Amino acid sequence: MYDTEGRGDALVISIAEEVGGVIVSNDNFAPFQRANPWLLDVGRVLGATQSQGVWVFNPRRPNVTGAAGRRR
């Protein structure tokens, strides 16, 4: 069996990097921050929540405190 953990995240990150896109996710992307420091740039990752049927997007900066070595 192949280890596929994080492959979807890696694909999203690589596409966003290639096109200069913004990622909408509440994920921390901790395992990918060291190799992709642009994830920590202001405006490159947005968090999303739904409130009263309306999606709200907020700029966020993923937490880096001790996160680089952790995996889910």
C-alpha atoms as a PDB file:
ATOM      1  CA  MET A   1       0.000   0.000   0.000  1.00  0.00           C
ATOM      2  CA  TYR A   2       1.226   3.515  -0.813  1.00  0.00           C
ATOM      3  CA  ASP A   3       1.326   6.389   1.677  1.00  0.00           C
ATOM      4  CA  THR A   4      -1.032   9.036   0.288  1.00  0.00           C
ATOM      5  CA  GLU A   5      -1.302  11.236   3.383  1.00  0.00           C
ATOM      6  CA  GLY A   6      -0.827  14.855   2.359  1.00  0.00           C
ATOM      7  CA  ARG A   7      -0.747  14.212  -1.389  1.00  0.00           C
ATOM      8  CA  GLY A   8      -3.934  16.202  -1.973  1.00  0.00           C
ATOM      9  CA  ASP A   9      -2.456  19.069   0.045  1.00  0.00           C
ATOM     10  CA  ALA A  10       0.791  18.834  -1.924  1.00  0.00           C
ATOM     11  CA  LEU A  11      -1.136  19.037  -5.203  1.00  0.00           C
ATOM     12  CA  VAL A  12      -3.128  22.090  -4.083  1.00  0.00           C
ATOM     13  CA  ILE A  13       0.055  23.781  -2.848  1.00  0.00           C
ATOM     14  CA  SER A  14       1.938  23.109  -6.080  1.00  0.00           C
ATOM     15  CA  ILE A  15      -0.906  24.449  -8.237  1.00  0.00           C
ATOM     16  CA  ALA A  16      -1.285  27.577  -6.083  1.00  0.00           C
ATOM     17  CA  GLU A  17       2.457  28.187  -6.246  1.00  0.00           C
ATOM     18  CA  GLU A  18       2.565  27.717 -10.019  1.00  0.00           C
ATOM     19  CA  VAL A  19      -0.278  30.145 -10.743  1.00  0.00           C
ATOM     20  CA  GLY A  20       0.320  32.553  -7.854  1.00  0.00           C
ATOM     21  CA  GLY A  21      -3.032  31.573  -6.411  1.00  0.00           C
ATOM     22  CA  VAL A  22      -4.584  31.917  -2.996  1.00  0.00           C
ATOM     23  CA  ILE A  23      -5.449  28.794  -1.016  1.00  0.00           C
ATOM     24  CA  VAL A  24      -8.795  28.734   0.810  1.00  0.00           C
ATOM     25  CA  SER A  25      -8.464  26.290   3.683  1.00  0.00           C
ATOM     26  CA  ASN A  26      -8.485  26.066   7.444  1.00  0.00           C
ATOM     27  CA  ASP A  27      -5.565  23.635   7.214  1.00  0.00           C
ATOM     28  CA  ASN A  28      -2.253  24.607   8.796  1.00  0.00           C
ATOM     29  CA  PHE A  29      -0.143  22.897   6.075  1.00  0.00           C
ATOM     30  CA  ALA A  30       2.477  22.386   8.794  1.00  0.00           C
ATOM     31  CA  PRO A  31       4.372  19.571   7.023  1.00  0.00           C
ATOM     32  CA  PHE A  32       4.730  21.763   3.929  1.00  0.00           C
ATOM     33  CA  GLN A  33       5.723  25.122   5.418  1.00  0.00           C
ATOM     34  CA  ARG A  34       9.476  24.576   5.402  1.00  0.00           C
ATOM     35  CA  ALA A  35       9.533  23.627   1.701  1.00  0.00           C
ATOM     36  CA  ASN A  36       6.933  26.282   0.774  1.00  0.00           C
ATOM     37  CA  PRO A  37       7.645  29.384   2.882  1.00  0.00           C
ATOM     38  CA  TRP A  38       5.261  31.441   0.717  1.00  0.00           C
ATOM     39  CA  LEU A  39       2.417  29.701   2.612  1.00  0.00           C
ATOM     40  CA  LEU A  40       3.268  32.065   5.472  1.00  0.00           C
ATOM     41  CA  ASP A  41       2.991  35.209   3.312  1.00  0.00           C
ATOM     42  CA  VAL A  42       0.091  37.485   4.146  1.00  0.00           C
ATOM     43  CA  GLY A  43      -2.801  36.943   1.742  1.00  0.00           C
ATOM     44  CA  ARG A  44      -1.722  33.544   0.378  1.00  0.00           C
ATOM     45  CA  VAL A  45      -4.018  31.477   2.635  1.00  0.00           C
ATOM     46  CA  LEU A  46      -7.607  32.348   3.504  1.00  0.00           C
ATOM     47  CA  GLY A  47      -9.683  30.675   6.176  1.00  0.00           C
ATOM     48  CA  ALA A  48     -13.365  30.044   5.514  1.00  0.00           C
ATOM     49  CA  THR A  49     -16.430  29.703   7.701  1.00  0.00           C
ATOM     50  CA  GLN A  50     -20.110  29.638   6.962  1.00  0.00           C
ATOM     51  CA  SER A  51     -22.355  31.913   8.994  1.00  0.00           C
ATOM     52  CA  GLN A  52     -26.121  32.080   8.488  1.00  0.00           C
ATOM     53  CA  GLY A  53     -25.794  30.573   5.023  1.00  0.00           C
ATOM     54  CA  VAL A  54     -23.092  33.007   3.906  1.00  0.00           C
ATOM     55  CA  TRP A  55     -19.473  32.021   3.366  1.00  0.00           C
ATOM     56  CA  VAL A  56     -17.002  34.349   5.094  1.00  0.00           C
ATOM     57  CA  PHE A  57     -13.353  34.353   4.012  1.00  0.00           C
ATOM     58  CA  ASN A  58     -10.687  35.753   6.306  1.00  0.00           C
ATOM     59  CA  PRO A  59      -6.989  36.261   5.638  1.00  0.00           C
ATOM     60  CA  ARG A  60      -4.999  33.989   7.872  1.00  0.00           C
ATOM     61  CA  ARG A  61      -1.421  33.139   8.575  1.00  0.00           C
ATOM     62  CA  PRO A  62      -0.874  29.495   9.438  1.00  0.00           C
ATOM     63  CA  ASN A  63       0.497  28.812  12.895  1.00  0.00           C
ATOM     64  CA  VAL A  64       4.213  28.002  12.728  1.00  0.00           C
ATOM     65  CA  THR A  65       4.871  27.443  16.437  1.00  0.00           C
ATOM     66  CA  GLY A  66       6.083  23.865  16.646  1.00  0.00           C
ATOM     67  CA  ALA A  67       4.003  22.940  13.641  1.00  0.00           C
ATOM     68  CA  ALA A  68       6.753  22.082  11.174  1.00  0.00           C
ATOM     69  CA  GLY A  69       7.431  18.667  12.649  1.00  0.00           C
ATOM     70  CA  ARG A  70       3.865  17.582  13.371  1.00  0.00           C
ATOM     71  CA  ARG A  71       1.660  15.489  11.114  1.00  0.00           C
ATOM     72  CA  ARG A  72      -1.987  14.565  11.512  1.00  0.00           C
END
